[in-house]
All heavy atoms as atom14 arrays in JSON, in Angstrom:
{
  "sequence": "ERIFAKLPPEAKRELLDYAEFLLQKYGKREVRGFKFTWEGKLKD",
  "atom14_mask": [
    [1, 1, 1, 1, 1, 1, 1, 1, 1, 0, 0, 0, 0, 0],
    [1, 1, 1, 1, 1, 1, 1, 1, 1, 1, 1, 0, 0, 0],
    [1, 1, 1, 1, 1, 1, 1, 1, 0, 0, 0, 0, 0, 0],
    [1, 1, 1, 1, 1, 1, 1, 1, 1, 1, 1, 0, 0, 0],
    [1, 1, 1, 1, 1, 0, 0, 0, 0, 0, 0, 0, 0, 0],
    [1, 1, 1, 1, 1, 1, 1, 1, 1, 0, 0, 0, 0, 0],
    [1, 1, 1, 1, 1, 1, 1, 1, 0, 0, 0, 0, 0, 0],
    [1, 1, 1, 1, 1, 1, 1, 0, 0, 0, 0, 0, 0, 0],
    [1, 1, 1, 1, 1, 1, 1, 0, 0, 0, 0, 0, 0, 0],
    [1, 1, 1, 1, 1, 1, 1, 1, 1, 0, 0, 0, 0, 0],
    [1, 1, 1, 1, 1, 0, 0, 0, 0, 0, 0, 0, 0, 0],
    [1, 1, 1, 1, 1, 1, 1, 1, 1, 0, 0, 0, 0, 0],
    [1, 1, 1, 1, 1, 1, 1, 1, 1, 1, 1, 0, 0, 0],
    [1, 1, 1, 1, 1, 1, 1, 1, 1, 0, 0, 0, 0, 0],
    [1, 1, 1, 1, 1, 1, 1, 1, 0, 0, 0, 0, 0, 0],
    [1, 1, 1, 1, 1, 1, 1, 1, 0, 0, 0, 0, 0, 0],
    [1, 1, 1, 1, 1, 1, 1, 1, 0, 0, 0, 0, 0, 0],
    [1, 1, 1, 1, 1, 1, 1, 1, 1, 1, 1, 1, 0, 0],
    [1, 1, 1, 1, 1, 0, 0, 0, 0, 0, 0, 0, 0, 0],
    [1, 1, 1, 1, 1, 1, 1, 1, 1, 0, 0, 0, 0, 0],
    [1, 1, 1, 1, 1, 1, 1, 1, 1, 1, 1, 0, 0, 0],
    [1, 1, 1, 1, 1, 1, 1, 1, 0, 0, 0, 0, 0, 0],
    [1, 1, 1, 1, 1, 1, 1, 1, 0, 0, 0, 0, 0, 0],
    [1, 1, 1, 1, 1, 1, 1, 1, 1, 0, 0, 0, 0, 0],
    [1, 1, 1, 1, 1, 1, 1, 1, 1, 0, 0, 0, 0, 0],
    [1, 1, 1, 1, 1, 1, 1, 1, 1, 1, 1, 1, 0, 0],
    [1, 1, 1, 1, 0, 0, 0, 0, 0, 0, 0, 0, 0, 0],
    [1, 1, 1, 1, 1, 1, 1, 1, 1, 0, 0, 0, 0, 0],
    [1, 1, 1, 1, 1, 1, 1, 1, 1, 1, 1, 0, 0, 0],
    [1, 1, 1, 1, 1, 1, 1, 1, 1, 0, 0, 0, 0, 0],
    [1, 1, 1, 1, 1, 1, 1, 0, 0, 0, 0, 0, 0, 0],
    [1, 1, 1, 1, 1, 1, 1, 1, 1, 1, 1, 0, 0, 0],
    [1, 1, 1, 1, 0, 0, 0, 0, 0, 0, 0, 0, 0, 0],
    [1, 1, 1, 1, 1, 1, 1, 1, 1, 1, 1, 0, 0, 0],
    [1, 1, 1, 1, 1, 1, 1, 1, 1, 0, 0, 0, 0, 0],
    [1, 1, 1, 1, 1, 1, 1, 1, 1, 1, 1, 0, 0, 0],
    [1, 1, 1, 1, 1, 1, 1, 0, 0, 0, 0, 0, 0, 0],
    [1, 1, 1, 1, 1, 1, 1, 1, 1, 1, 1, 1, 1, 1],
    [1, 1, 1, 1, 1, 1, 1, 1, 1, 0, 0, 0, 0, 0],
    [1, 1, 1, 1, 0, 0, 0, 0, 0, 0, 0, 0, 0, 0],
    [1, 1, 1, 1, 1, 1, 1, 1, 1, 0, 0, 0, 0, 0],
    [1, 1, 1, 1, 1, 1, 1, 1, 0, 0, 0, 0, 0, 0],
    [1, 1, 1, 1, 1, 1, 1, 1, 1, 0, 0, 0, 0, 0],
    [1, 1, 1, 1, 1, 1, 1, 1, 0, 0, 0, 0, 0, 0]
  ],
  "atom14_positions": [
    [[86.26, 112.87, 97.33], [85.3, 112.25, 96.41], [85.49, 112.77, 94.99], [85.4, 112.0, 94.03], [83.88, 112.52, 96.89], [83.53, 111.81, 98.18], [82.19, 112.22, 98.76], [81.48, 113.05, 98.13], [81.84, 111.72, 99.84], [0.0, 0.0, 0.0], [0.0, 0.0, 0.0], [0.0, 0.0, 0.0], [0.0, 0.0, 0.0], [0.0, 0.0, 0.0]],
    [[85.77, 114.05, 94.84], [85.98, 114.65, 93.52], [87.21, 114.04, 92.85], [87.17, 113.65, 91.69], [86.14, 116.16, 93.66], [86.34, 116.91, 92.35], [86.51, 118.4, 92.56], [87.6, 118.75, 93.47], [88.9, 118.74, 93.16], [89.29, 118.38, 91.95], [89.82, 119.1, 94.03], [0.0, 0.0, 0.0], [0.0, 0.0, 0.0], [0.0, 0.0, 0.0]],
    [[88.29, 113.92, 93.61], [89.52, 113.34, 93.07], [89.31, 111.86, 92.75], [89.73, 111.37, 91.7], [90.69, 113.53, 94.05], [91.03, 115.03, 94.16], [91.91, 112.74, 93.63], [92.01, 115.36, 95.28], [0.0, 0.0, 0.0], [0.0, 0.0, 0.0], [0.0, 0.0, 0.0], [0.0, 0.0, 0.0], [0.0, 0.0, 0.0], [0.0, 0.0, 0.0]],
    [[88.66, 111.15, 93.65], [88.41, 109.72, 93.47], [87.61, 109.48, 92.18], [87.9, 108.54, 91.42], [87.65, 109.16, 94.67], [87.48, 107.68, 94.65], [88.53, 106.84, 95.01], [86.28, 107.1, 94.28], [88.38, 105.46, 95.0], [86.12, 105.73, 94.25], [87.17, 104.91, 94.62], [0.0, 0.0, 0.0], [0.0, 0.0, 0.0], [0.0, 0.0, 0.0]],
    [[86.63, 110.31, 91.91], [85.79, 110.15, 90.72], [86.59, 110.3, 89.43], [86.23, 109.7, 88.41], [84.65, 111.16, 90.76], [0.0, 0.0, 0.0], [0.0, 0.0, 0.0], [0.0, 0.0, 0.0], [0.0, 0.0, 0.0], [0.0, 0.0, 0.0], [0.0, 0.0, 0.0], [0.0, 0.0, 0.0], [0.0, 0.0, 0.0], [0.0, 0.0, 0.0]],
    [[87.68, 111.06, 89.47], [88.48, 111.3, 88.27], [89.49, 110.18, 88.0], [90.06, 110.11, 86.91], [89.25, 112.62, 88.4], [88.37, 113.84, 88.38], [89.22, 115.09, 88.53], [88.38, 116.34, 88.52], [89.2, 117.56, 88.65], [0.0, 0.0, 0.0], [0.0, 0.0, 0.0], [0.0, 0.0, 0.0], [0.0, 0.0, 0.0], [0.0, 0.0, 0.0]],
    [[89.71, 109.3, 88.96], [90.72, 108.26, 88.8], [90.24, 107.12, 87.91], [89.05, 106.8, 87.9], [91.1, 107.68, 90.18], [91.83, 108.6, 91.14], [91.96, 107.93, 92.5], [93.2, 108.96, 90.6], [0.0, 0.0, 0.0], [0.0, 0.0, 0.0], [0.0, 0.0, 0.0], [0.0, 0.0, 0.0], [0.0, 0.0, 0.0], [0.0, 0.0, 0.0]],
    [[91.17, 106.47, 87.2], [90.81, 105.29, 86.43], [90.53, 104.12, 87.41], [90.96, 104.15, 88.57], [92.05, 105.01, 85.58], [93.16, 105.72, 86.25], [92.57, 106.87, 86.98], [0.0, 0.0, 0.0], [0.0, 0.0, 0.0], [0.0, 0.0, 0.0], [0.0, 0.0, 0.0], [0.0, 0.0, 0.0], [0.0, 0.0, 0.0], [0.0, 0.0, 0.0]],
    [[89.81, 103.1, 86.97], [89.41, 102.0, 87.86], [90.57, 101.34, 88.62], [90.44, 101.05, 89.81], [88.75, 101.0, 86.92], [88.27, 101.82, 85.78], [89.25, 102.94, 85.62], [0.0, 0.0, 0.0], [0.0, 0.0, 0.0], [0.0, 0.0, 0.0], [0.0, 0.0, 0.0], [0.0, 0.0, 0.0], [0.0, 0.0, 0.0], [0.0, 0.0, 0.0]],
    [[91.71, 101.12, 87.96], [92.82, 100.46, 88.66], [93.4, 101.35, 89.77], [93.81, 100.87, 90.81], [93.93, 100.02, 87.68], [94.6, 101.14, 86.9], [93.86, 101.55, 85.62], [92.8, 101.01, 85.32], [94.38, 102.43, 84.93], [0.0, 0.0, 0.0], [0.0, 0.0, 0.0], [0.0, 0.0, 0.0], [0.0, 0.0, 0.0], [0.0, 0.0, 0.0]],
    [[93.4, 102.67, 89.55], [93.88, 103.6, 90.58], [92.88, 103.67, 91.74], [93.29, 103.8, 92.89], [94.11, 104.98, 89.98], [0.0, 0.0, 0.0], [0.0, 0.0, 0.0], [0.0, 0.0, 0.0], [0.0, 0.0, 0.0], [0.0, 0.0, 0.0], [0.0, 0.0, 0.0], [0.0, 0.0, 0.0], [0.0, 0.0, 0.0], [0.0, 0.0, 0.0]],
    [[91.59, 103.57, 91.42], [90.58, 103.55, 92.49], [90.77, 102.33, 93.39], [90.69, 102.43, 94.61], [89.17, 103.54, 91.89], [88.76, 104.85, 91.28], [87.35, 104.76, 90.7], [86.96, 106.07, 90.06], [85.62, 106.01, 89.46], [0.0, 0.0, 0.0], [0.0, 0.0, 0.0], [0.0, 0.0, 0.0], [0.0, 0.0, 0.0], [0.0, 0.0, 0.0]],
    [[91.03, 101.17, 92.77], [91.25, 99.95, 93.56], [92.49, 100.1, 94.45], [92.49, 99.71, 95.61], [91.41, 98.75, 92.61], [91.57, 97.42, 93.29], [90.28, 97.0, 93.96], [90.52, 96.92, 95.4], [89.58, 96.96, 96.34], [88.33, 97.07, 96.01], [89.88, 96.89, 97.6], [0.0, 0.0, 0.0], [0.0, 0.0, 0.0], [0.0, 0.0, 0.0]],
    [[93.55, 100.68, 93.88], [94.78, 100.88, 94.64], [94.55, 101.84, 95.82], [95.04, 101.61, 96.93], [95.86, 101.44, 93.71], [97.23, 101.51, 94.33], [98.29, 101.95, 93.32], [98.07, 101.85, 92.1], [99.35, 102.41, 93.79], [0.0, 0.0, 0.0], [0.0, 0.0, 0.0], [0.0, 0.0, 0.0], [0.0, 0.0, 0.0], [0.0, 0.0, 0.0]],
    [[93.79, 102.9, 95.56], [93.49, 103.86, 96.62], [92.64, 103.21, 97.71], [92.88, 103.43, 98.9], [92.77, 105.09, 96.04], [92.47, 106.21, 97.02], [93.75, 106.72, 97.67], [91.75, 107.34, 96.32], [0.0, 0.0, 0.0], [0.0, 0.0, 0.0], [0.0, 0.0, 0.0], [0.0, 0.0, 0.0], [0.0, 0.0, 0.0], [0.0, 0.0, 0.0]],
    [[91.68, 102.39, 97.33], [90.87, 101.69, 98.33], [91.71, 100.71, 99.15], [91.53, 100.6, 100.37], [89.71, 100.97, 97.65], [88.58, 101.85, 97.15], [87.57, 101.03, 96.37], [87.9, 102.57, 98.3], [0.0, 0.0, 0.0], [0.0, 0.0, 0.0], [0.0, 0.0, 0.0], [0.0, 0.0, 0.0], [0.0, 0.0, 0.0], [0.0, 0.0, 0.0]],
    [[92.63, 100.02, 98.5], [93.53, 99.11, 99.22], [94.36, 99.87, 100.24], [94.52, 99.43, 101.38], [94.46, 98.37, 98.25], [93.74, 97.31, 97.45], [92.63, 96.9, 97.84], [94.31, 96.88, 96.42], [0.0, 0.0, 0.0], [0.0, 0.0, 0.0], [0.0, 0.0, 0.0], [0.0, 0.0, 0.0], [0.0, 0.0, 0.0], [0.0, 0.0, 0.0]],
    [[94.86, 101.02, 99.83], [95.68, 101.82, 100.74], [94.83, 102.35, 101.9], [95.27, 102.36, 103.05], [96.35, 102.97, 99.99], [97.28, 103.76, 100.85], [98.42, 103.18, 101.39], [97.02, 105.09, 101.16], [99.28, 103.89, 102.21], [97.88, 105.82, 101.97], [99.0, 105.22, 102.5], [99.84, 105.94, 103.31], [0.0, 0.0, 0.0], [0.0, 0.0, 0.0]],
    [[93.6, 102.76, 101.59], [92.71, 103.26, 102.64], [92.4, 102.15, 103.65], [92.36, 102.38, 104.86], [91.42, 103.8, 102.03], [0.0, 0.0, 0.0], [0.0, 0.0, 0.0], [0.0, 0.0, 0.0], [0.0, 0.0, 0.0], [0.0, 0.0, 0.0], [0.0, 0.0, 0.0], [0.0, 0.0, 0.0], [0.0, 0.0, 0.0], [0.0, 0.0, 0.0]],
    [[92.22, 100.92, 103.18], [91.98, 99.79, 104.07], [93.21, 99.51, 104.94], [93.09, 99.2, 106.12], [91.6, 98.55, 103.27], [90.21, 98.63, 102.69], [89.88, 97.48, 101.76], [90.74, 96.6, 101.54], [88.75, 97.46, 101.24], [0.0, 0.0, 0.0], [0.0, 0.0, 0.0], [0.0, 0.0, 0.0], [0.0, 0.0, 0.0], [0.0, 0.0, 0.0]],
    [[94.39, 99.64, 104.35], [95.63, 99.49, 105.11], [95.71, 100.54, 106.23], [96.01, 100.22, 107.38], [96.84, 99.62, 104.17], [98.14, 99.87, 104.9], [98.78, 98.84, 105.56], [98.69, 101.13, 104.92], [99.98, 99.06, 106.23], [99.88, 101.36, 105.59], [100.53, 100.33, 106.25], [0.0, 0.0, 0.0], [0.0, 0.0, 0.0], [0.0, 0.0, 0.0]],
    [[95.41, 101.79, 105.89], [95.44, 102.85, 106.89], [94.41, 102.62, 107.98], [94.66, 102.89, 109.16], [95.22, 104.22, 106.23], [96.36, 104.72, 105.35], [95.96, 106.03, 104.68], [97.63, 104.89, 106.15], [0.0, 0.0, 0.0], [0.0, 0.0, 0.0], [0.0, 0.0, 0.0], [0.0, 0.0, 0.0], [0.0, 0.0, 0.0], [0.0, 0.0, 0.0]],
    [[93.26, 102.11, 107.6], [92.22, 101.81, 108.58], [92.68, 100.73, 109.56], [92.46, 100.83, 110.76], [90.94, 101.38, 107.87], [89.7, 101.24, 108.74], [89.39, 102.56, 109.43], [88.53, 100.8, 107.89], [0.0, 0.0, 0.0], [0.0, 0.0, 0.0], [0.0, 0.0, 0.0], [0.0, 0.0, 0.0], [0.0, 0.0, 0.0], [0.0, 0.0, 0.0]],
    [[93.36, 99.71, 109.03], [93.9, 98.68, 109.91], [94.98, 99.25, 110.83], [95.07, 98.89, 112.0], [94.49, 97.53, 109.1], [93.45, 96.63, 108.48], [94.1, 95.52, 107.68], [95.29, 95.53, 107.4], [93.3, 94.54, 107.31], [0.0, 0.0, 0.0], [0.0, 0.0, 0.0], [0.0, 0.0, 0.0], [0.0, 0.0, 0.0], [0.0, 0.0, 0.0]],
    [[95.78, 100.13, 110.28], [96.89, 100.69, 111.05], [96.41, 101.66, 112.13], [96.9, 101.64, 113.25], [97.86, 101.4, 110.1], [99.09, 101.95, 110.78], [100.05, 102.53, 109.76], [101.29, 103.09, 110.45], [102.21, 103.69, 109.5], [0.0, 0.0, 0.0], [0.0, 0.0, 0.0], [0.0, 0.0, 0.0], [0.0, 0.0, 0.0], [0.0, 0.0, 0.0]],
    [[95.47, 102.52, 111.8], [95.06, 103.58, 112.71], [93.63, 103.43, 113.24], [93.26, 104.1, 114.19], [95.15, 104.94, 112.02], [96.54, 105.32, 111.62], [96.93, 105.29, 110.28], [97.48, 105.69, 112.56], [98.21, 105.63, 109.9], [98.77, 106.04, 112.19], [99.12, 106.02, 110.86], [100.39, 106.35, 110.48], [0.0, 0.0, 0.0], [0.0, 0.0, 0.0]],
    [[92.85, 102.57, 112.63], [91.43, 102.49, 112.95], [91.12, 102.08, 114.37], [90.52, 102.82, 115.13], [0.0, 0.0, 0.0], [0.0, 0.0, 0.0], [0.0, 0.0, 0.0], [0.0, 0.0, 0.0], [0.0, 0.0, 0.0], [0.0, 0.0, 0.0], [0.0, 0.0, 0.0], [0.0, 0.0, 0.0], [0.0, 0.0, 0.0], [0.0, 0.0, 0.0]],
    [[91.54, 100.9, 114.75], [91.21, 100.39, 116.08], [92.47, 100.37, 116.93], [93.2, 99.39, 116.96], [90.64, 98.98, 115.98], [89.3, 98.92, 115.32], [88.77, 97.5, 115.32], [87.43, 97.42, 114.63], [86.94, 96.05, 114.59], [0.0, 0.0, 0.0], [0.0, 0.0, 0.0], [0.0, 0.0, 0.0], [0.0, 0.0, 0.0], [0.0, 0.0, 0.0]],
    [[92.71, 101.44, 117.59], [93.87, 101.5, 118.48], [93.44, 101.03, 119.86], [92.58, 101.63, 120.49], [94.4, 102.92, 118.57], [95.04, 103.37, 117.28], [96.42, 103.75, 117.58], [97.17, 103.82, 116.35], [98.39, 104.26, 116.32], [98.97, 104.66, 117.4], [99.05, 104.27, 115.19], [0.0, 0.0, 0.0], [0.0, 0.0, 0.0], [0.0, 0.0, 0.0]],
    [[94.03, 99.95, 120.27], [93.72, 99.4, 121.59], [94.52, 100.16, 122.63], [95.73, 100.32, 122.52], [94.1, 97.92, 121.62], [93.74, 97.24, 122.91], [94.13, 95.78, 122.88], [93.94, 95.12, 121.85], [94.66, 95.31, 123.91], [0.0, 0.0, 0.0], [0.0, 0.0, 0.0], [0.0, 0.0, 0.0], [0.0, 0.0, 0.0], [0.0, 0.0, 0.0]],
    [[93.81, 100.64, 123.64], [94.49, 101.34, 124.72], [94.99, 100.29, 125.7], [94.22, 99.53, 126.27], [93.53, 102.32, 125.44], [94.22, 102.98, 126.6], [92.99, 103.34, 124.45], [0.0, 0.0, 0.0], [0.0, 0.0, 0.0], [0.0, 0.0, 0.0], [0.0, 0.0, 0.0], [0.0, 0.0, 0.0], [0.0, 0.0, 0.0], [0.0, 0.0, 0.0]],
    [[96.27, 100.24, 125.81], [96.89, 99.26, 126.7], [97.39, 99.96, 127.95], [98.11, 100.94, 127.86], [98.06, 98.56, 126.02], [97.65, 97.75, 124.83], [98.88, 97.04, 124.29], [98.66, 96.74, 122.88], [99.61, 96.46, 122.04], [100.86, 96.45, 122.43], [99.35, 96.2, 120.78], [0.0, 0.0, 0.0], [0.0, 0.0, 0.0], [0.0, 0.0, 0.0]],
    [[97.04, 99.44, 129.06], [97.55, 99.97, 130.32], [98.64, 99.06, 130.83], [98.92, 98.0, 130.27], [0.0, 0.0, 0.0], [0.0, 0.0, 0.0], [0.0, 0.0, 0.0], [0.0, 0.0, 0.0], [0.0, 0.0, 0.0], [0.0, 0.0, 0.0], [0.0, 0.0, 0.0], [0.0, 0.0, 0.0], [0.0, 0.0, 0.0], [0.0, 0.0, 0.0]],
    [[99.26, 99.5, 131.87], [100.3, 98.68, 132.48], [99.65, 97.54, 133.25], [98.61, 97.71, 133.87], [101.16, 99.51, 133.43], [102.02, 100.5, 132.73], [101.72, 101.85, 132.75], [103.15, 100.09, 132.04], [102.52, 102.76, 132.1], [103.96, 100.98, 131.39], [103.63, 102.33, 131.42], [0.0, 0.0, 0.0], [0.0, 0.0, 0.0], [0.0, 0.0, 0.0]],
    [[100.27, 96.4, 133.2], [99.81, 95.26, 133.98], [100.79, 95.08, 135.12], [101.98, 94.91, 134.9], [99.76, 94.0, 133.12], [98.74, 94.09, 132.02], [98.71, 92.83, 131.2], [97.71, 92.96, 130.08], [97.69, 91.8, 129.22], [0.0, 0.0, 0.0], [0.0, 0.0, 0.0], [0.0, 0.0, 0.0], [0.0, 0.0, 0.0], [0.0, 0.0, 0.0]],
    [[100.28, 95.13, 136.32], [101.13, 95.02, 137.49], [101.1, 93.59, 138.02], [100.78, 93.34, 139.18], [100.69, 96.02, 138.55], [100.9, 97.45, 138.12], [99.86, 98.2, 137.6], [102.15, 98.03, 138.21], [100.05, 99.5, 137.2], [102.36, 99.33, 137.8], [101.3, 100.08, 137.29], [0.0, 0.0, 0.0], [0.0, 0.0, 0.0], [0.0, 0.0, 0.0]],
    [[101.47, 92.64, 137.17], [101.45, 91.24, 137.55], [102.53, 90.93, 138.59], [102.45, 89.92, 139.27], [101.65, 90.33, 136.34], [102.87, 90.69, 135.69], [100.5, 90.47, 135.36], [0.0, 0.0, 0.0], [0.0, 0.0, 0.0], [0.0, 0.0, 0.0], [0.0, 0.0, 0.0], [0.0, 0.0, 0.0], [0.0, 0.0, 0.0], [0.0, 0.0, 0.0]],
    [[103.51, 91.79, 138.7], [104.6, 91.59, 139.64], [104.24, 92.12, 141.03], [104.94, 91.86, 142.0], [105.85, 92.31, 139.16], [105.56, 93.75, 138.8], [105.26, 94.22, 137.56], [105.51, 94.87, 139.66], [105.02, 95.57, 137.6], [105.17, 96.0, 138.89], [105.71, 95.06, 141.02], [105.03, 97.28, 139.43], [105.56, 96.33, 141.55], [105.24, 97.42, 140.76]],
    [[103.13, 92.84, 141.13], [102.76, 93.49, 142.39], [102.64, 92.47, 143.52], [101.98, 91.45, 143.4], [101.44, 94.23, 142.22], [101.06, 95.1, 143.39], [99.81, 95.91, 143.12], [99.08, 95.61, 142.16], [99.57, 96.84, 143.89], [0.0, 0.0, 0.0], [0.0, 0.0, 0.0], [0.0, 0.0, 0.0], [0.0, 0.0, 0.0], [0.0, 0.0, 0.0]],
    [[103.31, 92.74, 144.61], [103.27, 91.89, 145.79], [104.22, 90.72, 145.76], [104.32, 89.97, 146.73], [0.0, 0.0, 0.0], [0.0, 0.0, 0.0], [0.0, 0.0, 0.0], [0.0, 0.0, 0.0], [0.0, 0.0, 0.0], [0.0, 0.0, 0.0], [0.0, 0.0, 0.0], [0.0, 0.0, 0.0], [0.0, 0.0, 0.0], [0.0, 0.0, 0.0]],
    [[104.95, 90.54, 144.68], [105.85, 89.38, 144.56], [107.07, 89.48, 145.46], [107.69, 88.47, 145.77], [106.32, 89.2, 143.11], [105.21, 89.02, 142.12], [104.54, 87.69, 142.26], [103.57, 87.51, 141.12], [102.48, 86.67, 141.36], [0.0, 0.0, 0.0], [0.0, 0.0, 0.0], [0.0, 0.0, 0.0], [0.0, 0.0, 0.0], [0.0, 0.0, 0.0]],
    [[107.43, 90.68, 145.88], [108.62, 90.86, 146.71], [108.26, 91.17, 148.16], [109.05, 91.73, 148.9], [109.49, 91.99, 146.14], [110.06, 91.74, 144.74], [110.81, 92.97, 144.24], [110.97, 90.53, 144.75], [0.0, 0.0, 0.0], [0.0, 0.0, 0.0], [0.0, 0.0, 0.0], [0.0, 0.0, 0.0], [0.0, 0.0, 0.0], [0.0, 0.0, 0.0]],
    [[107.06, 90.8, 148.56], [106.63, 91.13, 149.92], [107.46, 90.44, 150.99], [107.55, 90.92, 152.11], [105.15, 90.81, 150.11], [104.8, 89.35, 150.0], [103.32, 89.13, 150.1], [103.03, 87.66, 149.81], [101.64, 87.43, 149.58], [0.0, 0.0, 0.0], [0.0, 0.0, 0.0], [0.0, 0.0, 0.0], [0.0, 0.0, 0.0], [0.0, 0.0, 0.0]],
    [[108.1, 89.33, 150.66], [108.92, 88.6, 151.64], [110.37, 89.08, 151.68], [111.14, 88.64, 152.53], [108.9, 87.1, 151.34], [107.5, 86.52, 151.49], [106.73, 87.05, 152.32], [107.19, 85.54, 150.78], [0.0, 0.0, 0.0], [0.0, 0.0, 0.0], [0.0, 0.0, 0.0], [0.0, 0.0, 0.0], [0.0, 0.0, 0.0], [0.0, 0.0, 0.0]]
  ]
}
């Protein structure tokens, strides 16, 4: 917050844009498990 307050307006906008990018990249990480759609297909 201290550093952000010292920045000029255009740098603040750039920093906010980058923070939003990082939030999209790391914010909502979907936990994906394995899907065993092939299970039982070779029973014959």
